């Protein structure tokens, strides 16, 4: 399925680069239903909201994906999720120190 070239062309979550059906379902489960919602979401808060009932996190690359999607929806370029790994590691290190 082709992805949107810019945020203006993203009509459903799966139009956003890096967002497939599984991640879209995860987003829907926490109330993120539209590309506009992605533009305004806090990627870390959404990642934390997806913890399992036993407190287990998703794979950290899911946070990379959320960060890439938010940046894209705010006018950033299409980037693979792994471009956000270093930023995610720094964010989690800062967050986990609290």
PDB file of N, CA and C in Angstrom:
ATOM      1  N   UNK A   1       0.844  -1.171   0.000  1.00  0.00           N
ATOM      2  CA  UNK A   1       0.000   0.000   0.000  1.00  0.00           C
ATOM      3  C   UNK A   1       0.895   1.242   0.000  1.00  0.00           C
ATOM      4  N   UNK A   2       0.701   2.137  -0.959  1.00  0.00           N
ATOM      5  CA  UNK A   2       1.544   3.337  -1.012  1.00  0.00           C
ATOM      6  C   UNK A   2       1.283   4.247   0.181  1.00  0.00           C
ATOM      7  N   UNK A   3       2.335   4.901   0.611  1.00  0.00           N
ATOM      8  CA  UNK A   3       2.252   5.823   1.745  1.00  0.00           C
ATOM      9  C   UNK A   3       2.187   7.255   1.227  1.00  0.00           C
ATOM     10  N   UNK A   4       1.673   8.135   2.053  1.00  0.00           N
ATOM     11  CA  UNK A   4       1.561   9.548   1.698  1.00  0.00           C
ATOM     12  C   UNK A   4       2.954  10.143   1.507  1.00  0.00           C
ATOM     13  N   UNK A   5       3.070  11.018   0.547  1.00  0.00           N
ATOM     14  CA  UNK A   5       4.334  11.716   0.312  1.00  0.00           C
ATOM     15  C   UNK A   5       4.519  12.870   1.286  1.00  0.00           C
ATOM     16  N   UNK A   6       3.416  13.481   1.698  1.00  0.00           N
ATOM     17  CA  UNK A   6       3.441  14.550   2.691  1.00  0.00           C
ATOM     18  C   UNK A   6       2.255  14.347   3.633  1.00  0.00           C
ATOM     19  N   UNK A   7       2.288  15.035   4.764  1.00  0.00           N
ATOM     20  CA  UNK A   7       1.227  14.901   5.761  1.00  0.00           C
ATOM     21  C   UNK A   7      -0.145  15.258   5.187  1.00  0.00           C
ATOM     22  N   UNK A   8      -0.202  16.187   4.274  1.00  0.00           N
ATOM     23  CA  UNK A   8      -1.482  16.610   3.710  1.00  0.00           C
ATOM     24  C   UNK A   8      -2.208  15.475   2.995  1.00  0.00           C
ATOM     25  N   UNK A   9      -1.480  14.471   2.544  1.00  0.00           N
ATOM     26  CA  UNK A   9      -2.086  13.363   1.816  1.00  0.00           C
ATOM     27  C   UNK A   9      -2.429  12.179   2.716  1.00  0.00           C
ATOM     28  N   UNK A  10      -2.131  12.253   3.989  1.00  0.00           N
ATOM     29  CA  UNK A  10      -2.435  11.166   4.925  1.00  0.00           C
ATOM     30  C   UNK A  10      -3.880  11.299   5.382  1.00  0.00           C
ATOM     31  N   UNK A  11      -4.726  10.386   4.954  1.00  0.00           N
ATOM     32  CA  UNK A  11      -6.154  10.429   5.299  1.00  0.00           C
ATOM     33  C   UNK A  11      -6.509   9.424   6.391  1.00  0.00           C
ATOM     34  N   UNK A  12      -5.762   8.327   6.463  1.00  0.00           N
ATOM     35  CA  UNK A  12      -5.950   7.308   7.502  1.00  0.00           C
ATOM     36  C   UNK A  12      -4.580   6.994   8.083  1.00  0.00           C
ATOM     37  N   UNK A  13      -4.564   6.373   9.249  1.00  0.00           N
ATOM     38  CA  UNK A  13      -3.287   6.111   9.922  1.00  0.00           C
ATOM     39  C   UNK A  13      -2.302   5.349   9.049  1.00  0.00           C
ATOM     40  N   UNK A  14      -2.781   4.368   8.304  1.00  0.00           N
ATOM     41  CA  UNK A  14      -1.867   3.553   7.501  1.00  0.00           C
ATOM     42  C   UNK A  14      -1.318   4.292   6.280  1.00  0.00           C
ATOM     43  N   UNK A  15      -1.766   5.513   6.038  1.00  0.00           N
ATOM     44  CA  UNK A  15      -1.155   6.348   4.994  1.00  0.00           C
ATOM     45  C   UNK A  15       0.170   6.937   5.470  1.00  0.00           C
ATOM     46  N   UNK A  16       0.383   6.970   6.779  1.00  0.00           N
ATOM     47  CA  UNK A  16       1.592   7.559   7.357  1.00  0.00           C
ATOM     48  C   UNK A  16       2.747   6.580   7.201  1.00  0.00           C
ATOM     49  N   UNK A  17       3.888   7.034   6.700  1.00  0.00           N
ATOM     50  CA  UNK A  17       5.042   6.149   6.589  1.00  0.00           C
ATOM     51  C   UNK A  17       5.353   5.472   7.933  1.00  0.00           C
ATOM     52  N   UNK A  18       5.703   4.218   7.881  1.00  0.00           N
ATOM     53  CA  UNK A  18       6.057   3.368   9.029  1.00  0.00           C
ATOM     54  C   UNK A  18       4.849   2.833   9.799  1.00  0.00           C
ATOM     55  N   UNK A  19       3.647   3.275   9.488  1.00  0.00           N
ATOM     56  CA  UNK A  19       2.453   2.809  10.201  1.00  0.00           C
ATOM     57  C   UNK A  19       1.748   1.758   9.349  1.00  0.00           C
ATOM     58  N   UNK A  20       1.769   0.533   9.860  1.00  0.00           N
ATOM     59  CA  UNK A  20       1.035  -0.555   9.213  1.00  0.00           C
ATOM     60  C   UNK A  20      -0.220  -0.856  10.002  1.00  0.00           C
ATOM     61  N   UNK A  21      -0.880  -1.937   9.652  1.00  0.00           N
ATOM     62  CA  UNK A  21      -2.151  -2.247  10.298  1.00  0.00           C
ATOM     63  C   UNK A  21      -1.994  -2.557  11.785  1.00  0.00           C
ATOM     64  N   UNK A  22      -0.930  -3.237  12.180  1.00  0.00           N
ATOM     65  CA  UNK A  22      -0.740  -3.585  13.588  1.00  0.00           C
ATOM     66  C   UNK A  22      -0.521  -2.338  14.444  1.00  0.00           C
ATOM     67  N   UNK A  23       0.350  -1.448  14.000  1.00  0.00           N
ATOM     68  CA  UNK A  23       0.603  -0.212  14.750  1.00  0.00           C
ATOM     69  C   UNK A  23      -0.654   0.663  14.731  1.00  0.00           C
ATOM     70  N   UNK A  24      -1.363   0.690  13.617  1.00  0.00           N
ATOM     71  CA  UNK A  24      -2.610   1.460  13.558  1.00  0.00           C
ATOM     72  C   UNK A  24      -3.607   0.935  14.594  1.00  0.00           C
ATOM     73  N   UNK A  25      -3.697  -0.370  14.740  1.00  0.00           N
ATOM     74  CA  UNK A  25      -4.594  -0.947  15.754  1.00  0.00           C
ATOM     75  C   UNK A  25      -4.158  -0.542  17.159  1.00  0.00           C
ATOM     76  N   UNK A  26      -2.848  -0.564  17.405  1.00  0.00           N
ATOM     77  CA  UNK A  26      -2.338  -0.117  18.707  1.00  0.00           C
ATOM     78  C   UNK A  26      -2.741   1.336  18.966  1.00  0.00           C
ATOM     79  N   UNK A  27      -2.570   2.177  17.967  1.00  0.00           N
ATOM     80  CA  UNK A  27      -2.924   3.587  18.119  1.00  0.00           C
ATOM     81  C   UNK A  27      -4.420   3.753  18.386  1.00  0.00           C
ATOM     82  N   UNK A  28      -5.231   3.032  17.626  1.00  0.00           N
ATOM     83  CA  UNK A  28      -6.688   3.093  17.845  1.00  0.00           C
ATOM     84  C   UNK A  28      -7.033   2.696  19.277  1.00  0.00           C
ATOM     85  N   UNK A  29      -6.320   1.718  19.816  1.00  0.00           N
ATOM     86  CA  UNK A  29      -6.645   1.223  21.163  1.00  0.00           C
ATOM     87  C   UNK A  29      -6.420   2.267  22.258  1.00  0.00           C
ATOM     88  N   UNK A  30      -5.621   3.283  21.971  1.00  0.00           N
ATOM     89  CA  UNK A  30      -5.379   4.349  22.956  1.00  0.00           C
ATOM     90  C   UNK A  30      -5.975   5.688  22.497  1.00  0.00           C
ATOM     91  N   UNK A  31      -6.906   5.633  21.557  1.00  0.00           N
ATOM     92  CA  UNK A  31      -7.629   6.834  21.162  1.00  0.00           C
ATOM     93  C   UNK A  31      -6.994   7.693  20.099  1.00  0.00           C
ATOM     94  N   UNK A  32      -5.951   7.191  19.445  1.00  0.00           N
ATOM     95  CA  UNK A  32      -5.330   7.915  18.324  1.00  0.00           C
ATOM     96  C   UNK A  32      -5.963   7.326  17.059  1.00  0.00           C
ATOM     97  N   UNK A  33      -6.878   8.084  16.443  1.00  0.00           N
ATOM     98  CA  UNK A  33      -7.679   7.530  15.353  1.00  0.00           C
ATOM     99  C   UNK A  33      -7.446   8.148  13.993  1.00  0.00           C
ATOM    100  N   UNK A  34      -6.810   9.304  13.953  1.00  0.00           N
ATOM    101  CA  UNK A  34      -6.623   9.997  12.679  1.00  0.00           C
ATOM    102  C   UNK A  34      -5.181  10.490  12.554  1.00  0.00           C
ATOM    103  N   UNK A  35      -4.763  10.780  11.335  1.00  0.00           N
ATOM    104  CA  UNK A  35      -3.443  11.388  11.178  1.00  0.00           C
ATOM    105  C   UNK A  35      -3.297  12.694  11.965  1.00  0.00           C
ATOM    106  N   UNK A  36      -4.367  13.463  12.082  1.00  0.00           N
ATOM    107  CA  UNK A  36      -4.303  14.701  12.874  1.00  0.00           C
ATOM    108  C   UNK A  36      -4.023  14.386  14.339  1.00  0.00           C
ATOM    109  N   UNK A  37      -4.582  13.286  14.850  1.00  0.00           N
ATOM    110  CA  UNK A  37      -4.291  12.872  16.222  1.00  0.00           C
ATOM    111  C   UNK A  37      -2.806  12.572  16.391  1.00  0.00           C
ATOM    112  N   UNK A  38      -2.202  11.957  15.384  1.00  0.00           N
ATOM    113  CA  UNK A  38      -0.766  11.632  15.433  1.00  0.00           C
ATOM    114  C   UNK A  38       0.056  12.907  15.514  1.00  0.00           C
ATOM    115  N   UNK A  39      -0.356  13.918  14.793  1.00  0.00           N
ATOM    116  CA  UNK A  39       0.375  15.195  14.800  1.00  0.00           C
ATOM    117  C   UNK A  39       0.429  15.807  16.188  1.00  0.00           C
ATOM    118  N   UNK A  40      -0.575  15.529  17.003  1.00  0.00           N
ATOM    119  CA  UNK A  40      -0.673  16.143  18.328  1.00  0.00           C
ATOM    120  C   UNK A  40      -0.316  15.198  19.473  1.00  0.00           C
ATOM    121  N   UNK A  41      -0.037  13.944  19.170  1.00  0.00           N
ATOM    122  CA  UNK A  41       0.208  12.976  20.247  1.00  0.00           C
ATOM    123  C   UNK A  41       1.593  13.159  20.875  1.00  0.00           C
ATOM    124  N   UNK A  42       1.718  12.671  22.081  1.00  0.00           N
ATOM    125  CA  UNK A  42       3.006  12.580  22.763  1.00  0.00           C
ATOM    126  C   UNK A  42       3.487  11.148  22.551  1.00  0.00           C
ATOM    127  N   UNK A  43       4.487  10.933  21.684  1.00  0.00           N
ATOM    128  CA  UNK A  43       4.903   9.568  21.381  1.00  0.00           C
ATOM    129  C   UNK A  43       5.252   8.733  22.612  1.00  0.00           C
ATOM    130  N   UNK A  44       5.925   9.331  23.581  1.00  0.00           N
ATOM    131  CA  UNK A  44       6.302   8.580  24.779  1.00  0.00           C
ATOM    132  C   UNK A  44       5.068   8.212  25.596  1.00  0.00           C
ATOM    133  N   UNK A  45       4.127   9.122  25.742  1.00  0.00           N
ATOM    134  CA  UNK A  45       2.908   8.827  26.501  1.00  0.00           C
ATOM    135  C   UNK A  45       2.111   7.710  25.830  1.00  0.00           C
ATOM    136  N   UNK A  46       2.030   7.729  24.515  1.00  0.00           N
ATOM    137  CA  UNK A  46       1.321   6.673  23.799  1.00  0.00           C
ATOM    138  C   UNK A  46       2.050   5.346  23.969  1.00  0.00           C
ATOM    139  N   UNK A  47       3.367   5.358  23.847  1.00  0.00           N
ATOM    140  CA  UNK A  47       4.171   4.153  24.043  1.00  0.00           C
ATOM    141  C   UNK A  47       3.938   3.582  25.443  1.00  0.00           C
ATOM    142  N   UNK A  48       3.944   4.438  26.445  1.00  0.00           N
ATOM    143  CA  UNK A  48       3.714   3.988  27.825  1.00  0.00           C
ATOM    144  C   UNK A  48       2.287   3.475  28.008  1.00  0.00           C
ATOM    145  N   UNK A  49       1.328   4.079  27.339  1.00  0.00           N
ATOM    146  CA  UNK A  49      -0.071   3.646  27.449  1.00  0.00           C
ATOM    147  C   UNK A  49      -0.287   2.249  26.874  1.00  0.00           C
ATOM    148  N   UNK A  50       0.618   1.811  26.025  1.00  0.00           N
ATOM    149  CA  UNK A  50       0.479   0.496  25.402  1.00  0.00           C
ATOM    150  C   UNK A  50       1.103  -0.633  26.222  1.00  0.00           C
ATOM    151  N   UNK A  51       1.563  -0.330  27.425  1.00  0.00           N
ATOM    152  CA  UNK A  51       2.093  -1.400  28.286  1.00  0.00           C
ATOM    153  C   UNK A  51       1.038  -2.484  28.451  1.00  0.00           C
ATOM    154  N   UNK A  52       1.488  -3.717  28.553  1.00  0.00           N
ATOM    155  CA  UNK A  52       0.556  -4.814  28.790  1.00  0.00           C
ATOM    156  C   UNK A  52      -0.003  -4.702  30.200  1.00  0.00           C
ATOM    157  N   UNK A  53      -1.070  -5.402  30.489  1.00  0.00           N
ATOM    158  CA  UNK A  53      -1.599  -5.355  31.861  1.00  0.00           C
ATOM    159  C   UNK A  53      -0.566  -5.753  32.923  1.00  0.00           C
ATOM    160  N   UNK A  54       0.462  -6.524  32.539  1.00  0.00           N
ATOM    161  CA  UNK A  54       1.497  -6.927  33.489  1.00  0.00           C
ATOM    162  C   UNK A  54       2.649  -5.923  33.516  1.00  0.00           C
ATOM    163  N   UNK A  55       2.530  -4.822  32.765  1.00  0.00           N
ATOM    164  CA  UNK A  55       3.538  -3.781  32.814  1.00  0.00           C
ATOM    165  C   UNK A  55       4.654  -3.896  31.796  1.00  0.00           C
ATOM    166  N   UNK A  56       4.571  -4.841  30.879  1.00  0.00           N
ATOM    167  CA  UNK A  56       5.613  -4.994  29.870  1.00  0.00           C
ATOM    168  C   UNK A  56       5.430  -3.989  28.745  1.00  0.00           C
ATOM    169  N   UNK A  57       6.536  -3.400  28.333  1.00  0.00           N
ATOM    170  CA  UNK A  57       6.517  -2.459  27.214  1.00  0.00           C
ATOM    171  C   UNK A  57       6.556  -3.219  25.894  1.00  0.00           C
ATOM    172  N   UNK A  58       6.104  -2.519  24.852  1.00  0.00           N
ATOM    173  CA  UNK A  58       6.325  -2.994  23.489  1.00  0.00           C
ATOM    174  C   UNK A  58       7.824  -2.878  23.200  1.00  0.00           C
ATOM    175  N   UNK A  59       8.251  -3.456  22.117  1.00  0.00           N
ATOM    176  CA  UNK A  59       9.627  -3.293  21.665  1.00  0.00           C
ATOM    177  C   UNK A  59       9.910  -1.799  21.522  1.00  0.00           C
ATOM    178  N   UNK A  60      11.082  -1.339  21.929  1.00  0.00           N
ATOM    179  CA  UNK A  60      11.390   0.100  21.840  1.00  0.00           C
ATOM    180  C   UNK A  60      11.287   0.679  20.432  1.00  0.00           C
ATOM    181  N   UNK A  61      11.420  -0.139  19.403  1.00  0.00           N
ATOM    182  CA  UNK A  61      11.315   0.400  18.045  1.00  0.00           C
ATOM    183  C   UNK A  61       9.917   0.941  17.764  1.00  0.00           C
ATOM    184  N   UNK A  62       8.926   0.523  18.555  1.00  0.00           N
ATOM    185  CA  UNK A  62       7.582   1.082  18.411  1.00  0.00           C
ATOM    186  C   UNK A  62       7.610   2.575  18.749  1.00  0.00           C
ATOM    187  N   UNK A  63       8.366   2.943  19.758  1.00  0.00           N
ATOM    188  CA  UNK A  63       8.502   4.367  20.084  1.00  0.00           C
ATOM    189  C   UNK A  63       9.195   5.107  18.943  1.00  0.00           C
ATOM    190  N   UNK A  64      10.197   4.500  18.338  1.00  0.00           N
ATOM    191  CA  UNK A  64      10.848   5.112  17.166  1.00  0.00           C
ATOM    192  C   UNK A  64       9.804   5.390  16.083  1.00  0.00           C
ATOM    193  N   UNK A  65       8.929   4.423  15.863  1.00  0.00           N
ATOM    194  CA  UNK A  65       7.883   4.540  14.847  1.00  0.00           C
ATOM    195  C   UNK A  65       6.944   5.694  15.167  1.00  0.00           C
ATOM    196  N   UNK A  66       6.541   5.803  16.438  1.00  0.00           N
ATOM    197  CA  UNK A  66       5.663   6.906  16.831  1.00  0.00           C
ATOM    198  C   UNK A  66       6.348   8.253  16.627  1.00  0.00           C
ATOM    199  N   UNK A  67       7.629   8.325  16.948  1.00  0.00           N
ATOM    200  CA  UNK A  67       8.370   9.575  16.783  1.00  0.00           C
ATOM    201  C   UNK A  67       8.476   9.951  15.304  1.00  0.00           C
ATOM    202  N   UNK A  68       8.747   8.968  14.464  1.00  0.00           N
ATOM    203  CA  UNK A  68       8.833   9.217  13.020  1.00  0.00           C
ATOM    204  C   UNK A  68       7.491   9.681  12.474  1.00  0.00           C
ATOM    205  N   UNK A  69       6.418   9.041  12.921  1.00  0.00           N
ATOM    206  CA  UNK A  69       5.075   9.384  12.437  1.00  0.00           C
ATOM    207  C   UNK A  69       4.691  10.803  12.851  1.00  0.00           C
ATOM    208  N   UNK A  70       4.958  11.150  14.099  1.00  0.00           N
ATOM    209  CA  UNK A  70       4.618  12.501  14.563  1.00  0.00           C
ATOM    210  C   UNK A  70       5.406  13.553  13.788  1.00  0.00           C
ATOM    211  N   UNK A  71       6.690  13.310  13.610  1.00  0.00           N
ATOM    212  CA  UNK A  71       7.505  14.288  12.875  1.00  0.00           C
ATOM    213  C   UNK A  71       6.976  14.458  11.449  1.00  0.00           C
ATOM    214  N   UNK A  72       6.649  13.343  10.788  1.00  0.00           N
ATOM    215  CA  UNK A  72       6.095  13.402   9.442  1.00  0.00           C
ATOM    216  C   UNK A  72       4.802  14.206   9.421  1.00  0.00           C
ATOM    217  N   UNK A  73       3.920  13.937  10.375  1.00  0.00           N
ATOM    218  CA  UNK A  73       2.628  14.620  10.399  1.00  0.00           C
ATOM    219  C   UNK A  73       2.751  16.101  10.759  1.00  0.00           C
ATOM    220  N   UNK A  74       3.906  16.498  11.238  1.00  0.00           N
ATOM    221  CA  UNK A  74       4.160  17.915  11.527  1.00  0.00           C
ATOM    222  C   UNK A  74       5.066  18.547  10.475  1.00  0.00           C
ATOM    223  N   UNK A  75       5.086  17.960   9.285  1.00  0.00           N
ATOM    224  CA  UNK A  75       5.794  18.550   8.160  1.00  0.00           C
ATOM    225  C   UNK A  75       7.186  18.022   7.903  1.00  0.00           C
ATOM    226  N   UNK A  76       7.618  17.052   8.697  1.00  0.00           N
ATOM    227  CA  UNK A  76       8.943  16.470   8.488  1.00  0.00           C
ATOM    228  C   UNK A  76       8.976  15.557   7.272  1.00  0.00           C
ATOM    229  N   UNK A  77      10.160  15.185   6.857  1.00  0.00           N
ATOM    230  CA  UNK A  77      10.285  14.303   5.700  1.00  0.00           C
ATOM    231  C   UNK A  77       9.926  12.863   6.059  1.00  0.00           C
ATOM    232  N   UNK A  78       9.664  12.077   5.040  1.00  0.00           N
ATOM    233  CA  UNK A  78       9.497  10.638   5.240  1.00  0.00           C
ATOM    234  C   UNK A  78      10.847  10.089   5.674  1.00  0.00           C
ATOM    235  N   UNK A  79      10.888   9.416   6.818  1.00  0.00           N
ATOM    236  CA  UNK A  79      12.127   8.841   7.328  1.00  0.00           C
ATOM    237  C   UNK A  79      11.838   7.448   7.852  1.00  0.00           C
ATOM    238  N   UNK A  80      12.786   6.537   7.709  1.00  0.00           N
ATOM    239  CA  UNK A  80      12.571   5.228   8.320  1.00  0.00           C
ATOM    240  C   UNK A  80      12.600   5.355   9.840  1.00  0.00           C
ATOM    241  N   UNK A  81      11.865   4.486  10.509  1.00  0.00           N
ATOM    242  CA  UNK A  81      11.770   4.575  11.974  1.00  0.00           C
ATOM    243  C   UNK A  81      13.131   4.499  12.638  1.00  0.00           C
ATOM    244  N   UNK A  82      14.061   3.735  12.071  1.00  0.00           N
ATOM    245  CA  UNK A  82      15.366   3.552  12.724  1.00  0.00           C
ATOM    246  C   UNK A  82      16.209   4.822  12.745  1.00  0.00           C
ATOM    247  N   UNK A  83      15.812   5.833  11.982  1.00  0.00           N
ATOM    248  CA  UNK A  83      16.500   7.126  12.075  1.00  0.00           C
ATOM    249  C   UNK A  83      16.268   7.782  13.437  1.00  0.00           C
ATOM    250  N   UNK A  84      15.291   7.292  14.193  1.00  0.00           N
ATOM    251  CA  UNK A  84      14.932   7.881  15.479  1.00  0.00           C
ATOM    252  C   UNK A  84      15.476   7.095  16.669  1.00  0.00           C
ATOM    253  N   UNK A  85      16.270   6.064  16.410  1.00  0.00           N
ATOM    254  CA  UNK A  85      16.757   5.207  17.491  1.00  0.00           C
ATOM    255  C   UNK A  85      17.596   5.989  18.507  1.00  0.00           C
ATOM    256  N   UNK A  86      18.526   6.789  18.057  1.00  0.00           N
ATOM    257  CA  UNK A  86      19.380   7.541  18.987  1.00  0.00           C
ATOM    258  C   UNK A  86      18.547   8.525  19.811  1.00  0.00           C
ATOM    259  N   UNK A  87      17.618   9.195  19.163  1.00  0.00           N
ATOM    260  CA  UNK A  87      16.753  10.142  19.875  1.00  0.00           C
ATOM    261  C   UNK A  87      15.893   9.406  20.906  1.00  0.00           C
ATOM    262  N   UNK A  88      15.366   8.246  20.543  1.00  0.00           N
ATOM    263  CA  UNK A  88      14.563   7.440  21.465  1.00  0.00           C
ATOM    264  C   UNK A  88      15.382   6.977  22.660  1.00  0.00           C
ATOM    265  N   UNK A  89      16.603   6.529  22.402  1.00  0.00           N
ATOM    266  CA  UNK A  89      17.453   6.071  23.506  1.00  0.00           C
ATOM    267  C   UNK A  89      17.719   7.203  24.496  1.00  0.00           C
ATOM    268  N   UNK A  90      17.975   8.386  23.989  1.00  0.00           N
ATOM    269  CA  UNK A  90      18.207   9.539  24.867  1.00  0.00           C
ATOM    270  C   UNK A  90      16.936   9.896  25.630  1.00  0.00           C
ATOM    271  N   UNK A  91      15.798   9.859  24.960  1.00  0.00           N
ATOM    272  CA  UNK A  91      14.529  10.171  25.605  1.00  0.00           C
ATOM    273  C   UNK A  91      14.214   9.168  26.714  1.00  0.00           C
ATOM    274  N   UNK A  92      14.385   7.880  26.432  1.00  0.00           N
ATOM    275  CA  UNK A  92      14.102   6.867  27.453  1.00  0.00           C
ATOM    276  C   UNK A  92      15.086   6.939  28.616  1.00  0.00           C
ATOM    277  N   UNK A  93      16.336   7.227  28.328  1.00  0.00           N
ATOM    278  CA  UNK A  93      17.323   7.357  29.405  1.00  0.00           C
ATOM    279  C   UNK A  93      16.925   8.498  30.340  1.00  0.00           C
ATOM    280  N   UNK A  94      16.519   9.610  29.770  1.00  0.00           N
ATOM    281  CA  UNK A  94      16.087  10.766  30.562  1.00  0.00           C
ATOM    282  C   UNK A  94      14.821  10.411  31.339  1.00  0.00           C
ATOM    283  N   UNK A  95      13.863   9.778  30.691  1.00  0.00           N
ATOM    284  CA  UNK A  95      12.584   9.433  31.308  1.00  0.00           C
ATOM    285  C   UNK A  95      12.772   8.396  32.412  1.00  0.00           C
ATOM    286  N   UNK A  96      13.610   7.401  32.190  1.00  0.00           N
ATOM    287  CA  UNK A  96      13.797   6.322  33.161  1.00  0.00           C
ATOM    288  C   UNK A  96      14.580   6.770  34.396  1.00  0.00           C
ATOM    289  N   UNK A  97      15.295   7.876  34.298  1.00  0.00           N
ATOM    290  CA  UNK A  97      16.037   8.410  35.452  1.00  0.00           C
ATOM    291  C   UNK A  97      15.123   9.052  36.480  1.00  0.00           C
ATOM    292  N   UNK A  98      13.913   9.382  36.069  1.00  0.00           N
ATOM    293  CA  UNK A  98      12.965  10.061  36.973  1.00  0.00           C
ATOM    294  C   UNK A  98      12.515   9.149  38.071  1.00  0.00           C
TER     295      UNK A  98
END
